[in-house]
């Protein structure tokens, strides 16, 4: 069973090539793969499967479907960093000729462009402002803008440096507003076209980056500035990406890195429920 390890701005993933959808990818197996002590270690798993091989990919117009799982084994709709790594793999494995093609996700098909330097631009779809809510970090109650980027986000803009937040514990949020959980972004506005962000991802914890989170952060910052379109760099602990938000559309451009390839031990895999 082949695997690859890759990351987008240090948001890291295990890729499992599985064209026919034959792997039984249980939550326990995903969690074990992502465990940094007993597995390979990752923020999530990207199964590379033909869209036609999955019931949920049957209506996709893309040839390949990104079956993304969070580190705890739960399903996720979309991952902006993951789709960049996924797209680079498809080109390097000659599964797509590139540079422009679409990738199927649970949030819908996403058009991508793989650049000569192997950075990737992803058309992320609309970033919709859906309201406001509150995140509680320690004893701080932080108001935020709710944003839908195919998955749920709550973006809180802070006056003080986001590096001072303690995100080791799960921040609290309104379960009535976000019954399926939420990705929480904490942002400093550095200038008219520059943000700094930290993120606590649903089903994972704090990560070095979150692609959909950077789009949500830019959309929220623009909304707070009284507009619905513009561009910004976003600095996250894992690096920098560029985001453009327009009416009904958004793009994310950033690096995609393949780190390693190998084979999973079949005895270990079969020992997992």
Protein backbone atom coordinates (compact mmCIF):
# COMPACT_ATOMS: atom_id res chain seq x y z
CA UNK A 1 0.00 0.00 0.00
CA UNK A 2 1.72 3.11 -1.27
CA UNK A 3 1.72 6.34 0.71
CA UNK A 4 3.17 9.81 0.26
CA UNK A 5 3.75 12.55 2.80
CA UNK A 6 3.34 16.17 1.84
CA UNK A 7 2.45 19.59 3.17
CA UNK A 8 1.10 22.98 2.15
CA UNK A 9 2.58 25.73 4.35
CA UNK A 10 3.35 22.99 6.92
CA UNK A 11 -0.25 21.77 7.08
CA UNK A 12 0.76 18.14 6.54
CA UNK A 13 -1.01 15.16 5.01
CA UNK A 14 -0.67 11.47 4.25
CA UNK A 15 -1.70 10.75 0.66
CA UNK A 16 -3.06 7.28 -0.15
CA UNK A 17 -3.27 6.48 -3.88
CA UNK A 18 -6.40 4.32 -4.24
CA UNK A 19 -7.73 4.80 -7.77
CA UNK A 20 -10.45 2.15 -7.53
CA UNK A 21 -11.59 3.02 -4.00
CA UNK A 22 -10.63 -0.40 -2.65
CA UNK A 23 -9.12 0.70 0.68
CA UNK A 24 -11.31 0.38 3.76
CA UNK A 25 -10.44 3.72 5.29
CA UNK A 26 -11.91 3.49 8.79
CA UNK A 27 -11.74 6.34 11.32
CA UNK A 28 -9.39 4.21 13.44
CA UNK A 29 -6.99 3.73 10.54
CA UNK A 30 -7.03 7.44 9.70
CA UNK A 31 -6.40 8.37 13.33
CA UNK A 32 -3.52 5.88 13.56
CA UNK A 33 -1.90 7.16 10.36
CA UNK A 34 -2.12 10.75 11.62
CA UNK A 35 -0.81 9.97 15.11
CA UNK A 36 2.68 11.43 15.43
CA UNK A 37 3.85 8.78 17.88
CA UNK A 38 2.29 5.54 16.60
CA UNK A 39 1.81 6.40 12.92
CA UNK A 40 3.23 8.59 10.17
CA UNK A 41 1.94 11.81 11.68
CA UNK A 42 -0.26 14.31 9.84
CA UNK A 43 -3.09 16.80 10.13
CA UNK A 44 -5.20 14.68 7.79
CA UNK A 45 -5.39 11.97 5.13
CA UNK A 46 -5.95 12.59 1.41
CA UNK A 47 -7.19 9.50 -0.42
CA UNK A 48 -6.56 9.80 -4.17
CA UNK A 49 -9.52 8.06 -5.78
CA UNK A 50 -11.28 8.26 -9.14
CA UNK A 51 -14.52 10.22 -8.80
CA UNK A 52 -16.44 7.44 -10.53
CA UNK A 53 -15.34 4.96 -7.83
CA UNK A 54 -17.11 6.82 -5.00
CA UNK A 55 -20.84 7.35 -4.59
CA UNK A 56 -20.22 10.87 -3.30
CA UNK A 57 -18.03 11.62 -6.34
CA UNK A 58 -20.54 10.30 -8.88
CA UNK A 59 -21.82 13.78 -9.77
CA UNK A 60 -18.37 15.35 -9.97
CA UNK A 61 -17.11 16.49 -13.35
CA UNK A 62 -13.53 16.00 -12.17
CA UNK A 63 -11.64 12.83 -12.91
CA UNK A 64 -10.17 12.57 -9.39
CA UNK A 65 -11.80 13.03 -5.99
CA UNK A 66 -10.00 14.24 -2.87
CA UNK A 67 -11.42 12.03 -0.11
CA UNK A 68 -10.22 14.14 2.81
CA UNK A 69 -10.32 12.96 6.43
CA UNK A 70 -9.40 14.98 9.53
CA UNK A 71 -6.78 13.62 11.92
CA UNK A 72 -9.51 12.22 14.20
CA UNK A 73 -10.96 10.20 11.30
CA UNK A 74 -13.95 12.46 10.66
CA UNK A 75 -14.95 13.48 7.15
CA UNK A 76 -14.22 17.02 5.94
CA UNK A 77 -15.80 18.93 3.09
CA UNK A 78 -12.73 20.73 1.80
CA UNK A 79 -9.10 21.60 2.56
CA UNK A 80 -7.34 24.37 0.68
CA UNK A 81 -3.82 23.28 1.64
CA UNK A 82 -4.65 19.65 0.99
CA UNK A 83 -6.01 20.26 -2.49
CA UNK A 84 -2.75 21.98 -3.47
CA UNK A 85 -0.71 18.95 -2.41
CA UNK A 86 -3.29 16.67 -4.07
CA UNK A 87 -3.03 18.62 -7.34
CA UNK A 88 0.76 18.54 -7.37
CA UNK A 89 0.69 14.77 -6.83
CA UNK A 90 -1.73 14.25 -9.72
CA UNK A 91 0.57 16.12 -12.11
CA UNK A 92 3.76 14.44 -10.93
CA UNK A 93 2.14 10.99 -11.09
CA UNK A 94 0.95 11.74 -14.67
CA UNK A 95 -2.66 11.32 -13.59
CA UNK A 96 -3.38 14.83 -14.90
CA UNK A 97 -1.48 16.53 -17.69
CA UNK A 98 -2.11 20.00 -16.22
CA UNK A 99 -1.50 22.72 -15.61
CA UNK A 100 -5.24 23.44 -15.35
CA UNK A 101 -7.81 20.87 -14.23
CA UNK A 102 -10.49 20.24 -11.59
CA UNK A 103 -10.41 18.24 -8.36
CA UNK A 104 -13.57 16.79 -6.84
CA UNK A 105 -14.27 17.52 -3.17
CA UNK A 106 -17.25 17.19 -0.84
CA UNK A 107 -17.69 20.96 -1.20
CA UNK A 108 -17.87 20.64 -5.00
CA UNK A 109 -15.33 20.63 -7.82
CA UNK A 110 -12.39 22.98 -7.42
CA UNK A 111 -10.39 24.24 -10.40
CA UNK A 112 -6.63 24.32 -9.86
CA UNK A 113 -3.53 25.51 -11.70
CA UNK A 114 -0.15 23.92 -10.97
CA UNK A 115 2.58 26.48 -11.68
CA UNK A 116 6.09 25.64 -12.96
CA UNK A 117 7.54 26.13 -9.46
CA UNK A 118 4.93 23.63 -8.18
CA UNK A 119 3.02 26.24 -6.24
CA UNK A 120 -0.71 25.86 -6.86
CA UNK A 121 -3.63 28.24 -7.29
CA UNK A 122 -7.00 26.88 -6.20
CA UNK A 123 -10.36 28.38 -7.13
CA UNK A 124 -12.00 28.04 -3.75
CA UNK A 125 -15.55 29.03 -4.66
CA UNK A 126 -17.56 31.66 -2.80
CA UNK A 127 -16.73 32.80 0.72
CA UNK A 128 -20.13 33.61 2.22
CA UNK A 129 -20.58 35.74 5.33
CA UNK A 130 -23.30 33.97 7.32
CA UNK A 131 -23.51 36.01 10.54
CA UNK A 132 -21.65 36.52 13.78
CA UNK A 133 -20.88 34.43 16.85
CA UNK A 134 -18.43 34.12 19.73
CA UNK A 135 -15.38 31.97 20.46
CA UNK A 136 -14.19 31.54 24.04
CA UNK A 137 -10.44 31.07 24.54
CA UNK A 138 -9.58 30.57 28.20
CA UNK A 139 -11.44 33.37 29.96
CA UNK A 140 -11.65 35.58 26.85
CA UNK A 141 -14.85 35.97 24.86
CA UNK A 142 -13.93 36.88 21.28
CA UNK A 143 -16.56 38.07 18.81
CA UNK A 144 -16.20 36.76 15.29
CA UNK A 145 -17.57 36.76 11.76
CA UNK A 146 -19.01 33.44 10.55
CA UNK A 147 -17.88 32.48 7.04
CA UNK A 148 -18.81 29.51 4.87
CA UNK A 149 -16.06 28.40 2.43
CA UNK A 150 -17.68 25.04 1.76
CA UNK A 151 -16.92 24.31 5.43
CA UNK A 152 -17.70 26.42 8.52
CA UNK A 153 -15.38 29.11 9.96
CA UNK A 154 -15.50 31.74 12.68
CA UNK A 155 -12.96 34.55 12.28
CA UNK A 156 -12.06 36.77 15.23
CA UNK A 157 -9.99 39.92 14.59
CA UNK A 158 -7.79 40.83 17.58
CA UNK A 159 -6.07 44.09 18.50
CA UNK A 160 -3.41 42.24 20.51
CA UNK A 161 -0.89 39.83 18.94
CA UNK A 162 -2.49 36.48 18.08
CA UNK A 163 0.75 34.74 19.08
CA UNK A 164 -0.24 35.34 22.72
CA UNK A 165 -3.33 33.12 22.53
CA UNK A 166 -3.17 29.74 24.26
CA UNK A 167 -4.80 27.32 21.81
CA UNK A 168 -3.65 24.10 23.45
CA UNK A 169 -7.14 23.52 24.79
CA UNK A 170 -10.24 23.33 22.60
CA UNK A 171 -11.79 26.81 22.42
CA UNK A 172 -15.51 26.86 23.04
CA UNK A 173 -18.12 28.01 20.53
CA UNK A 174 -21.90 28.10 20.12
CA UNK A 175 -23.01 24.59 19.20
CA UNK A 176 -26.41 25.88 18.09
CA UNK A 177 -24.74 28.05 15.45
CA UNK A 178 -22.18 25.38 14.51
CA UNK A 179 -23.81 21.98 15.17
CA UNK A 180 -21.12 20.16 13.14
CA UNK A 181 -18.21 22.03 14.70
CA UNK A 182 -16.23 24.94 13.30
CA UNK A 183 -12.75 26.01 12.28
CA UNK A 184 -11.64 28.97 14.40
CA UNK A 185 -9.36 31.66 12.98
CA UNK A 186 -7.71 34.40 15.03
CA UNK A 187 -6.40 37.32 12.99
CA UNK A 188 -4.29 40.47 13.20
CA UNK A 189 -4.75 43.03 10.46
CA UNK A 190 -1.18 44.13 9.57
CA UNK A 191 -2.14 46.51 6.78
CA UNK A 192 -4.66 47.01 3.96
CA UNK A 193 -3.41 43.86 2.14
CA UNK A 194 -1.73 41.84 4.88
CA UNK A 195 -3.00 39.58 7.69
CA UNK A 196 -1.45 37.36 10.35
CA UNK A 197 -3.48 34.29 11.41
CA UNK A 198 -3.56 31.33 13.78
CA UNK A 199 -6.12 28.55 13.43
CA UNK A 200 -7.70 25.85 15.57
CA UNK A 201 -9.11 23.31 13.10
CA UNK A 202 -12.19 21.22 13.67
CA UNK A 203 -11.23 17.61 14.40
CA UNK A 204 -7.49 18.41 14.53
CA UNK A 205 -6.51 21.18 16.96
CA UNK A 206 -4.11 24.02 16.20
CA UNK A 207 -2.35 23.53 12.87
CA UNK A 208 0.44 25.39 11.11
CA UNK A 209 -1.95 26.52 8.38
CA UNK A 210 -5.50 26.16 7.04
CA UNK A 211 -6.23 26.99 3.41
CA UNK A 212 -9.98 27.50 3.70
CA UNK A 213 -9.25 29.39 6.93
CA UNK A 214 -7.05 31.91 5.14
CA UNK A 215 -9.84 32.55 2.62
CA UNK A 216 -12.34 32.95 5.46
CA UNK A 217 -9.95 35.33 7.25
CA UNK A 218 -9.58 37.58 4.20
CA UNK A 219 -13.33 37.54 3.53
CA UNK A 220 -14.04 38.46 7.16
CA UNK A 221 -11.42 41.25 7.19
CA UNK A 222 -12.86 42.72 4.00
CA UNK A 223 -16.37 42.48 5.45
CA UNK A 224 -15.26 44.33 8.59
CA UNK A 225 -13.69 46.99 6.33
CA UNK A 226 -17.02 47.44 4.54
CA UNK A 227 -16.29 45.64 1.27
CA UNK A 228 -16.68 42.21 -0.29
CA UNK A 229 -13.70 42.05 -2.64
CA UNK A 230 -9.95 42.44 -2.43
CA UNK A 231 -6.64 40.61 -2.06
CA UNK A 232 -4.29 39.97 0.84
CA UNK A 233 -1.29 37.99 1.91
CA UNK A 234 -1.88 35.82 4.97
CA UNK A 235 1.02 34.90 7.23
CA UNK A 236 0.44 31.70 9.18
CA UNK A 237 2.95 29.79 11.34
CA UNK A 238 3.75 27.55 8.34
CA UNK A 239 4.46 30.31 5.81
CA UNK A 240 2.60 32.72 3.56
CA UNK A 241 -0.24 32.40 1.04
CA UNK A 242 -2.02 34.85 -1.24
CA UNK A 243 -5.81 35.13 -1.25
CA UNK A 244 -8.17 37.00 -3.54
CA UNK A 245 -11.86 37.32 -2.68
CA UNK A 246 -14.41 38.52 -5.23
CA UNK A 247 -18.19 38.52 -5.32
CA UNK A 248 -19.09 34.83 -5.46
CA UNK A 249 -15.51 33.58 -5.91
CA UNK A 250 -12.10 33.33 -4.27
CA UNK A 251 -8.62 32.00 -5.04
CA UNK A 252 -5.81 30.70 -2.85
CA UNK A 253 -2.20 30.48 -4.05
CA UNK A 254 0.58 28.83 -2.07
CA UNK A 255 3.27 26.15 -2.01
CA UNK A 256 2.74 22.40 -2.25
CA UNK A 257 5.55 20.09 -1.14
CA UNK A 258 5.97 16.32 -1.47
CA UNK A 259 8.31 15.14 1.31
CA UNK A 260 8.45 11.34 1.11
CA UNK A 261 7.05 8.14 -0.37
CA UNK A 262 6.93 4.61 0.92
CA UNK A 263 4.78 1.58 1.69
CA UNK A 264 2.54 0.94 4.65
CA UNK A 265 3.17 -2.30 6.52
CA UNK A 266 0.25 -4.57 5.71
CA UNK A 267 0.34 -6.36 9.08
CA UNK A 268 0.12 -3.03 10.91
CA UNK A 269 -2.70 -1.83 8.65
CA UNK A 270 -4.73 -5.02 9.10
CA UNK A 271 -4.33 -4.87 12.88
CA UNK A 272 -6.34 -1.64 12.99
CA UNK A 273 -10.15 -1.83 13.31
